[in-house]
Amino acid sequence: MSNNFPKFHPKHLTWLMPLILSGIMSGSISCFNMLMNKGLVEGFIFIWLRAWSMSWLVAFPLILVMLPLVRKFLMKFVAMPNEASK
């Protein structure tokens, strides 16, 4: 069984991974919040899809901006393999 999907260049991981992760996170959190606050109301799927799309519009750019800042901050507290032997 061969994989005939088009392949992305590795440099695109910088935006593809946040795109997918922000979609999963914003979708699951908006669904959970709607279930907790409204329950399974009539038209739930359409209401949720609207809420999800609005939250994804905020989540994706936010992750793109915050990810490098968080990575830079955390690198102050992480021992890199070549630094651990010093």
PDB file of N, CA and C in Angstrom:
ATOM      1  N   MET A   1       0.856  -1.180   0.000  1.00  0.00           N
ATOM      2  CA  MET A   1       0.000   0.000   0.000  1.00  0.00           C
ATOM      3  C   MET A   1       0.895   1.234   0.000  1.00  0.00           C
ATOM      4  N   SER A   2       0.802   2.023  -1.043  1.00  0.00           N
ATOM      5  CA  SER A   2       1.677   3.192  -1.142  1.00  0.00           C
ATOM      6  C   SER A   2       0.928   4.459  -0.733  1.00  0.00           C
ATOM      7  N   ASN A   3       1.693   5.406  -0.254  1.00  0.00           N
ATOM      8  CA  ASN A   3       1.161   6.688   0.167  1.00  0.00           C
ATOM      9  C   ASN A   3       1.332   7.681  -0.979  1.00  0.00           C
ATOM     10  N   ASN A   4       0.239   8.015  -1.658  1.00  0.00           N
ATOM     11  CA  ASN A   4       0.298   8.921  -2.797  1.00  0.00           C
ATOM     12  C   ASN A   4      -0.086  10.348  -2.442  1.00  0.00           C
ATOM     13  N   PHE A   5      -0.120  10.669  -1.149  1.00  0.00           N
ATOM     14  CA  PHE A   5      -0.429  12.026  -0.732  1.00  0.00           C
ATOM     15  C   PHE A   5       0.721  12.955  -1.092  1.00  0.00           C
ATOM     16  N   PRO A   6       0.410  14.202  -1.440  1.00  0.00           N
ATOM     17  CA  PRO A   6       1.495  15.150  -1.704  1.00  0.00           C
ATOM     18  C   PRO A   6       2.270  15.422  -0.410  1.00  0.00           C
ATOM     19  N   LYS A   7       3.545  15.618  -0.539  1.00  0.00           N
ATOM     20  CA  LYS A   7       4.411  15.847   0.619  1.00  0.00           C
ATOM     21  C   LYS A   7       4.756  17.327   0.734  1.00  0.00           C
ATOM     22  N   PHE A   8       4.735  17.827   1.948  1.00  0.00           N
ATOM     23  CA  PHE A   8       5.147  19.192   2.220  1.00  0.00           C
ATOM     24  C   PHE A   8       6.640  19.217   2.515  1.00  0.00           C
ATOM     25  N   HIS A   9       7.258  20.329   2.224  1.00  0.00           N
ATOM     26  CA  HIS A   9       8.657  20.530   2.592  1.00  0.00           C
ATOM     27  C   HIS A   9       8.710  20.694   4.114  1.00  0.00           C
ATOM     28  N   PRO A  10       9.750  20.182   4.764  1.00  0.00           N
ATOM     29  CA  PRO A  10       9.835  20.281   6.232  1.00  0.00           C
ATOM     30  C   PRO A  10       9.724  21.701   6.777  1.00  0.00           C
ATOM     31  N   LYS A  11      10.101  22.709   6.005  1.00  0.00           N
ATOM     32  CA  LYS A  11      10.018  24.091   6.500  1.00  0.00           C
ATOM     33  C   LYS A  11       8.573  24.509   6.777  1.00  0.00           C
ATOM     34  N   HIS A  12       7.607  23.818   6.172  1.00  0.00           N
ATOM     35  CA  HIS A  12       6.203  24.155   6.380  1.00  0.00           C
ATOM     36  C   HIS A  12       5.659  23.645   7.712  1.00  0.00           C
ATOM     37  N   LEU A  13       6.435  22.839   8.424  1.00  0.00           N
ATOM     38  CA  LEU A  13       5.997  22.374   9.744  1.00  0.00           C
ATOM     39  C   LEU A  13       5.806  23.529  10.712  1.00  0.00           C
ATOM     40  N   THR A  14       6.504  24.656  10.484  1.00  0.00           N
ATOM     41  CA  THR A  14       6.388  25.796  11.398  1.00  0.00           C
ATOM     42  C   THR A  14       4.981  26.381  11.415  1.00  0.00           C
ATOM     43  N   TRP A  15       4.210  26.210  10.343  1.00  0.00           N
ATOM     44  CA  TRP A  15       2.832  26.692  10.355  1.00  0.00           C
ATOM     45  C   TRP A  15       1.819  25.556  10.270  1.00  0.00           C
ATOM     46  N   LEU A  16       2.210  24.399   9.731  1.00  0.00           N
ATOM     47  CA  LEU A  16       1.263  23.286   9.634  1.00  0.00           C
ATOM     48  C   LEU A  16       0.932  22.698  11.003  1.00  0.00           C
ATOM     49  N   MET A  17       1.942  22.509  11.840  1.00  0.00           N
ATOM     50  CA  MET A  17       1.688  21.927  13.151  1.00  0.00           C
ATOM     51  C   MET A  17       0.797  22.838  13.999  1.00  0.00           C
ATOM     52  N   PRO A  18       1.083  24.146  14.106  1.00  0.00           N
ATOM     53  CA  PRO A  18       0.156  25.005  14.852  1.00  0.00           C
ATOM     54  C   PRO A  18      -1.244  25.058  14.241  1.00  0.00           C
ATOM     55  N   LEU A  19      -1.342  24.969  12.917  1.00  0.00           N
ATOM     56  CA  LEU A  19      -2.652  24.973  12.268  1.00  0.00           C
ATOM     57  C   LEU A  19      -3.489  23.787  12.734  1.00  0.00           C
ATOM     58  N   ILE A  20      -2.908  22.599  12.687  1.00  0.00           N
ATOM     59  CA  ILE A  20      -3.629  21.379  13.085  1.00  0.00           C
ATOM     60  C   ILE A  20      -3.910  21.372  14.584  1.00  0.00           C
ATOM     61  N   LEU A  21      -2.897  21.690  15.385  1.00  0.00           N
ATOM     62  CA  LEU A  21      -3.080  21.668  16.839  1.00  0.00           C
ATOM     63  C   LEU A  21      -4.087  22.714  17.300  1.00  0.00           C
ATOM     64  N   SER A  22      -4.055  23.908  16.716  1.00  0.00           N
ATOM     65  CA  SER A  22      -5.023  24.931  17.115  1.00  0.00           C
ATOM     66  C   SER A  22      -6.434  24.521  16.712  1.00  0.00           C
ATOM     67  N   GLY A  23      -6.579  23.844  15.579  1.00  0.00           N
ATOM     68  CA  GLY A  23      -7.888  23.351  15.166  1.00  0.00           C
ATOM     69  C   GLY A  23      -8.429  22.295  16.112  1.00  0.00           C
ATOM     70  N   ILE A  24      -7.572  21.359  16.486  1.00  0.00           N
ATOM     71  CA  ILE A  24      -7.995  20.301  17.413  1.00  0.00           C
ATOM     72  C   ILE A  24      -8.346  20.885  18.779  1.00  0.00           C
ATOM     73  N   MET A  25      -7.476  21.732  19.299  1.00  0.00           N
ATOM     74  CA  MET A  25      -7.704  22.286  20.631  1.00  0.00           C
ATOM     75  C   MET A  25      -8.920  23.213  20.664  1.00  0.00           C
ATOM     76  N   SER A  26      -9.025  24.133  19.707  1.00  0.00           N
ATOM     77  CA  SER A  26     -10.158  25.060  19.729  1.00  0.00           C
ATOM     78  C   SER A  26     -11.472  24.317  19.482  1.00  0.00           C
ATOM     79  N   GLY A  27     -11.433  23.294  18.637  1.00  0.00           N
ATOM     80  CA  GLY A  27     -12.646  22.518  18.379  1.00  0.00           C
ATOM     81  C   GLY A  27     -13.106  21.734  19.582  1.00  0.00           C
ATOM     82  N   SER A  28     -12.187  21.068  20.235  1.00  0.00           N
ATOM     83  CA  SER A  28     -12.574  20.257  21.396  1.00  0.00           C
ATOM     84  C   SER A  28     -12.981  21.120  22.579  1.00  0.00           C
ATOM     85  N   ILE A  29     -12.283  22.225  22.807  1.00  0.00           N
ATOM     86  CA  ILE A  29     -12.639  23.090  23.932  1.00  0.00           C
ATOM     87  C   ILE A  29     -13.969  23.797  23.681  1.00  0.00           C
ATOM     88  N   SER A  30     -14.197  24.274  22.462  1.00  0.00           N
ATOM     89  CA  SER A  30     -15.472  24.940  22.190  1.00  0.00           C
ATOM     90  C   SER A  30     -16.628  23.946  22.281  1.00  0.00           C
ATOM     91  N   CYS A  31     -16.422  22.712  21.857  1.00  0.00           N
ATOM     92  CA  CYS A  31     -17.466  21.692  21.962  1.00  0.00           C
ATOM     93  C   CYS A  31     -17.757  21.386  23.435  1.00  0.00           C
ATOM     94  N   PHE A  32     -16.709  21.205  24.219  1.00  0.00           N
ATOM     95  CA  PHE A  32     -16.874  20.922  25.642  1.00  0.00           C
ATOM     96  C   PHE A  32     -17.608  22.066  26.341  1.00  0.00           C
ATOM     97  N   ASN A  33     -17.194  23.304  26.070  1.00  0.00           N
ATOM     98  CA  ASN A  33     -17.842  24.456  26.701  1.00  0.00           C
ATOM     99  C   ASN A  33     -19.307  24.574  26.303  1.00  0.00           C
ATOM    100  N   MET A  34     -19.610  24.315  25.048  1.00  0.00           N
ATOM    101  CA  MET A  34     -21.010  24.378  24.620  1.00  0.00           C
ATOM    102  C   MET A  34     -21.843  23.290  25.286  1.00  0.00           C
ATOM    103  N   LEU A  35     -21.290  22.090  25.380  1.00  0.00           N
ATOM    104  CA  LEU A  35     -22.025  21.007  26.045  1.00  0.00           C
ATOM    105  C   LEU A  35     -22.276  21.337  27.512  1.00  0.00           C
ATOM    106  N   MET A  36     -21.288  21.922  28.164  1.00  0.00           N
ATOM    107  CA  MET A  36     -21.441  22.268  29.584  1.00  0.00           C
ATOM    108  C   MET A  36     -22.441  23.404  29.784  1.00  0.00           C
ATOM    109  N   ASN A  37     -22.462  24.371  28.873  1.00  0.00           N
ATOM    110  CA  ASN A  37     -23.293  25.558  29.072  1.00  0.00           C
ATOM    111  C   ASN A  37     -24.682  25.467  28.441  1.00  0.00           C
ATOM    112  N   LYS A  38     -24.805  24.778  27.322  1.00  0.00           N
ATOM    113  CA  LYS A  38     -26.093  24.727  26.617  1.00  0.00           C
ATOM    114  C   LYS A  38     -26.686  23.331  26.559  1.00  0.00           C
ATOM    115  N   GLY A  39     -25.830  22.301  26.658  1.00  0.00           N
ATOM    116  CA  GLY A  39     -26.305  20.941  26.490  1.00  0.00           C
ATOM    117  C   GLY A  39     -26.507  20.637  25.006  1.00  0.00           C
ATOM    118  N   LEU A  40     -27.120  19.515  24.718  1.00  0.00           N
ATOM    119  CA  LEU A  40     -27.367  19.132  23.322  1.00  0.00           C
ATOM    120  C   LEU A  40     -28.658  19.790  22.832  1.00  0.00           C
ATOM    121  N   VAL A  41     -28.550  21.054  22.488  1.00  0.00           N
ATOM    122  CA  VAL A  41     -29.708  21.806  22.005  1.00  0.00           C
ATOM    123  C   VAL A  41     -29.909  21.546  20.524  1.00  0.00           C
ATOM    124  N   GLU A  42     -31.083  21.929  20.034  1.00  0.00           N
ATOM    125  CA  GLU A  42     -31.363  21.792  18.608  1.00  0.00           C
ATOM    126  C   GLU A  42     -30.395  22.692  17.824  1.00  0.00           C
ATOM    127  N   GLY A  43     -29.827  22.157  16.769  1.00  0.00           N
ATOM    128  CA  GLY A  43     -28.871  22.904  15.958  1.00  0.00           C
ATOM    129  C   GLY A  43     -27.485  22.981  16.571  1.00  0.00           C
ATOM    130  N   PHE A  44     -27.203  22.083  17.515  1.00  0.00           N
ATOM    131  CA  PHE A  44     -25.921  22.106  18.234  1.00  0.00           C
ATOM    132  C   PHE A  44     -24.733  22.123  17.279  1.00  0.00           C
ATOM    133  N   ILE A  45     -24.745  21.266  16.267  1.00  0.00           N
ATOM    134  CA  ILE A  45     -23.607  21.159  15.348  1.00  0.00           C
ATOM    135  C   ILE A  45     -23.332  22.487  14.660  1.00  0.00           C
ATOM    136  N   PHE A  46     -24.375  23.157  14.181  1.00  0.00           N
ATOM    137  CA  PHE A  46     -24.175  24.423  13.474  1.00  0.00           C
ATOM    138  C   PHE A  46     -23.701  25.526  14.417  1.00  0.00           C
ATOM    139  N   ILE A  47     -24.264  25.557  15.619  1.00  0.00           N
ATOM    140  CA  ILE A  47     -23.834  26.544  16.615  1.00  0.00           C
ATOM    141  C   ILE A  47     -22.369  26.289  16.975  1.00  0.00           C
ATOM    142  N   TRP A  48     -22.037  25.013  17.186  1.00  0.00           N
ATOM    143  CA  TRP A  48     -20.664  24.654  17.543  1.00  0.00           C
ATOM    144  C   TRP A  48     -19.687  24.977  16.416  1.00  0.00           C
ATOM    145  N   LEU A  49     -20.042  24.667  15.173  1.00  0.00           N
ATOM    146  CA  LEU A  49     -19.148  24.967  14.055  1.00  0.00           C
ATOM    147  C   LEU A  49     -18.878  26.465  13.926  1.00  0.00           C
ATOM    148  N   ARG A  50     -19.880  27.272  14.195  1.00  0.00           N
ATOM    149  CA  ARG A  50     -19.681  28.724  14.163  1.00  0.00           C
ATOM    150  C   ARG A  50     -18.740  29.147  15.289  1.00  0.00           C
ATOM    151  N   ALA A  51     -18.979  28.630  16.493  1.00  0.00           N
ATOM    152  CA  ALA A  51     -18.116  28.961  17.630  1.00  0.00           C
ATOM    153  C   ALA A  51     -16.695  28.474  17.385  1.00  0.00           C
ATOM    154  N   TRP A  52     -16.576  27.277  16.818  1.00  0.00           N
ATOM    155  CA  TRP A  52     -15.259  26.718  16.540  1.00  0.00           C
ATOM    156  C   TRP A  52     -14.515  27.571  15.523  1.00  0.00           C
ATOM    157  N   SER A  53     -15.181  27.966  14.462  1.00  0.00           N
ATOM    158  CA  SER A  53     -14.496  28.761  13.443  1.00  0.00           C
ATOM    159  C   SER A  53     -14.023  30.093  14.006  1.00  0.00           C
ATOM    160  N   MET A  54     -14.814  30.712  14.864  1.00  0.00           N
ATOM    161  CA  MET A  54     -14.403  31.985  15.476  1.00  0.00           C
ATOM    162  C   MET A  54     -13.219  31.776  16.422  1.00  0.00           C
ATOM    163  N   SER A  55     -13.261  30.700  17.198  1.00  0.00           N
ATOM    164  CA  SER A  55     -12.153  30.464  18.128  1.00  0.00           C
ATOM    165  C   SER A  55     -10.885  30.048  17.385  1.00  0.00           C
ATOM    166  N   TRP A  56     -11.025  29.343  16.274  1.00  0.00           N
ATOM    167  CA  TRP A  56      -9.853  28.949  15.488  1.00  0.00           C
ATOM    168  C   TRP A  56      -9.195  30.186  14.860  1.00  0.00           C
ATOM    169  N   LEU A  57     -10.016  31.155  14.462  1.00  0.00           N
ATOM    170  CA  LEU A  57      -9.470  32.392  13.908  1.00  0.00           C
ATOM    171  C   LEU A  57      -8.604  33.138  14.924  1.00  0.00           C
ATOM    172  N   VAL A  58      -8.883  32.953  16.195  1.00  0.00           N
ATOM    173  CA  VAL A  58      -8.067  33.565  17.249  1.00  0.00           C
ATOM    174  C   VAL A  58      -6.912  32.644  17.630  1.00  0.00           C
ATOM    175  N   ALA A  59      -7.185  31.347  17.742  1.00  0.00           N
ATOM    176  CA  ALA A  59      -6.190  30.400  18.253  1.00  0.00           C
ATOM    177  C   ALA A  59      -4.977  30.248  17.329  1.00  0.00           C
ATOM    178  N   PHE A  60      -5.186  30.147  16.039  1.00  0.00           N
ATOM    179  CA  PHE A  60      -4.071  29.901  15.122  1.00  0.00           C
ATOM    180  C   PHE A  60      -3.062  31.047  15.107  1.00  0.00           C
ATOM    181  N   PRO A  61      -3.491  32.298  14.896  1.00  0.00           N
ATOM    182  CA  PRO A  61      -2.489  33.376  14.941  1.00  0.00           C
ATOM    183  C   PRO A  61      -1.841  33.522  16.317  1.00  0.00           C
ATOM    184  N   LEU A  62      -2.620  33.279  17.374  1.00  0.00           N
ATOM    185  CA  LEU A  62      -2.072  33.374  18.722  1.00  0.00           C
ATOM    186  C   LEU A  62      -0.952  32.357  18.932  1.00  0.00           C
ATOM    187  N   ILE A  63      -1.170  31.132  18.474  1.00  0.00           N
ATOM    188  CA  ILE A  63      -0.134  30.105  18.594  1.00  0.00           C
ATOM    189  C   ILE A  63       1.080  30.468  17.752  1.00  0.00           C
ATOM    190  N   LEU A  64       0.867  30.983  16.546  1.00  0.00           N
ATOM    191  CA  LEU A  64       1.999  31.366  15.697  1.00  0.00           C
ATOM    192  C   LEU A  64       2.871  32.423  16.373  1.00  0.00           C
ATOM    193  N   VAL A  65       2.247  33.354  17.079  1.00  0.00           N
ATOM    194  CA  VAL A  65       2.990  34.416  17.755  1.00  0.00           C
ATOM    195  C   VAL A  65       3.610  33.907  19.059  1.00  0.00           C
ATOM    196  N   MET A  66       2.846  33.157  19.836  1.00  0.00           N
ATOM    197  CA  MET A  66       3.291  32.768  21.174  1.00  0.00           C
ATOM    198  C   MET A  66       4.272  31.602  21.188  1.00  0.00           C
ATOM    199  N   LEU A  67       4.190  30.700  20.230  1.00  0.00           N
ATOM    200  CA  LEU A  67       5.048  29.520  20.244  1.00  0.00           C
ATOM    201  C   LEU A  67       6.539  29.856  20.285  1.00  0.00           C
ATOM    202  N   PRO A  68       7.042  30.757  19.433  1.00  0.00           N
ATOM    203  CA  PRO A  68       8.470  31.089  19.537  1.00  0.00           C
ATOM    204  C   PRO A  68       8.833  31.752  20.862  1.00  0.00           C
ATOM    205  N   LEU A  69       7.933  32.559  21.408  1.00  0.00           N
ATOM    206  CA  LEU A  69       8.210  33.210  22.688  1.00  0.00           C
ATOM    207  C   LEU A  69       8.258  32.194  23.824  1.00  0.00           C
ATOM    208  N   VAL A  70       7.325  31.270  23.832  1.00  0.00           N
ATOM    209  CA  VAL A  70       7.305  30.232  24.867  1.00  0.00           C
ATOM    210  C   VAL A  70       8.530  29.327  24.729  1.00  0.00           C
ATOM    211  N   ARG A  71       8.881  28.974  23.489  1.00  0.00           N
ATOM    212  CA  ARG A  71      10.061  28.142  23.255  1.00  0.00           C
ATOM    213  C   ARG A  71      11.314  28.843  23.778  1.00  0.00           C
ATOM    214  N   LYS A  72      11.471  30.122  23.481  1.00  0.00           N
ATOM    215  CA  LYS A  72      12.634  30.891  23.942  1.00  0.00           C
ATOM    216  C   LYS A  72      12.676  30.943  25.468  1.00  0.00           C
ATOM    217  N   PHE A  73      11.520  31.173  26.094  1.00  0.00           N
ATOM    218  CA  PHE A  73      11.442  31.201  27.552  1.00  0.00           C
ATOM    219  C   PHE A  73      11.823  29.850  28.155  1.00  0.00           C
ATOM    220  N   LEU A  74      11.276  28.769  27.610  1.00  0.00           N
ATOM    221  CA  LEU A  74      11.538  27.442  28.164  1.00  0.00           C
ATOM    222  C   LEU A  74      12.983  26.993  27.966  1.00  0.00           C
ATOM    223  N   MET A  75      13.623  27.476  26.922  1.00  0.00           N
ATOM    224  CA  MET A  75      15.014  27.080  26.681  1.00  0.00           C
ATOM    225  C   MET A  75      15.943  27.548  27.798  1.00  0.00           C
ATOM    226  N   LYS A  76      15.509  28.503  28.591  1.00  0.00           N
ATOM    227  CA  LYS A  76      16.293  28.947  29.746  1.00  0.00           C
ATOM    228  C   LYS A  76      16.296  27.894  30.850  1.00  0.00           C
ATOM    229  N   PHE A  77      15.328  26.987  30.802  1.00  0.00           N
ATOM    230  CA  PHE A  77      15.172  25.991  31.858  1.00  0.00           C
ATOM    231  C   PHE A  77      15.412  24.558  31.396  1.00  0.00           C
ATOM    232  N   VAL A  78      15.802  24.380  30.147  1.00  0.00           N
ATOM    233  CA  VAL A  78      15.994  23.044  29.586  1.00  0.00           C
ATOM    234  C   VAL A  78      17.477  22.832  29.296  1.00  0.00           C
ATOM    235  N   ALA A  79      18.008  21.725  29.784  1.00  0.00           N
ATOM    236  CA  ALA A  79      19.396  21.381  29.500  1.00  0.00           C
ATOM    237  C   ALA A  79      19.462  20.673  28.158  1.00  0.00           C
ATOM    238  N   MET A  80      20.175  21.250  27.227  1.00  0.00           N
ATOM    239  CA  MET A  80      20.344  20.645  25.918  1.00  0.00           C
ATOM    240  C   MET A  80      21.350  19.501  26.030  1.00  0.00           C
ATOM    241  N   PRO A  81      21.273  18.460  25.179  1.00  0.00           N
ATOM    242  CA  PRO A  81      22.168  17.306  25.307  1.00  0.00           C
ATOM    243  C   PRO A  81      23.660  17.671  25.324  1.00  0.00           C
ATOM    244  N   ASN A  82      24.097  18.603  24.495  1.00  0.00           N
ATOM    245  CA  ASN A  82      25.515  18.946  24.476  1.00  0.00           C
ATOM    246  C   ASN A  82      25.910  19.787  25.688  1.00  0.00           C
ATOM    247  N   GLU A  83      24.964  20.446  26.362  1.00  0.00           N
ATOM    248  CA  GLU A  83      25.245  21.231  27.550  1.00  0.00           C
ATOM    249  C   GLU A  83      25.242  20.373  28.817  1.00  0.00           C
ATOM    250  N   ALA A  84      24.549  19.255  28.784  1.00  0.00           N
ATOM    251  CA  ALA A  84      24.426  18.403  29.962  1.00  0.00           C
ATOM    252  C   ALA A  84      25.758  17.779  30.353  1.00  0.00           C
ATOM    253  N   SER A  85      26.643  17.568  29.393  1.00  0.00           N
ATOM    254  CA  SER A  85      27.912  16.915  29.695  1.00  0.00           C
ATOM    255  C   SER A  85      28.951  17.888  30.254  1.00  0.00           C
ATOM    256  N   LYS A  86      28.671  19.167  30.264  1.00  0.00           N
ATOM    257  CA  LYS A  86      29.629  20.170  30.765  1.00  0.00           C
ATOM    258  C   LYS A  86      29.695  20.186  32.262  1.00  0.00           C
TER     259      LYS A  86
END
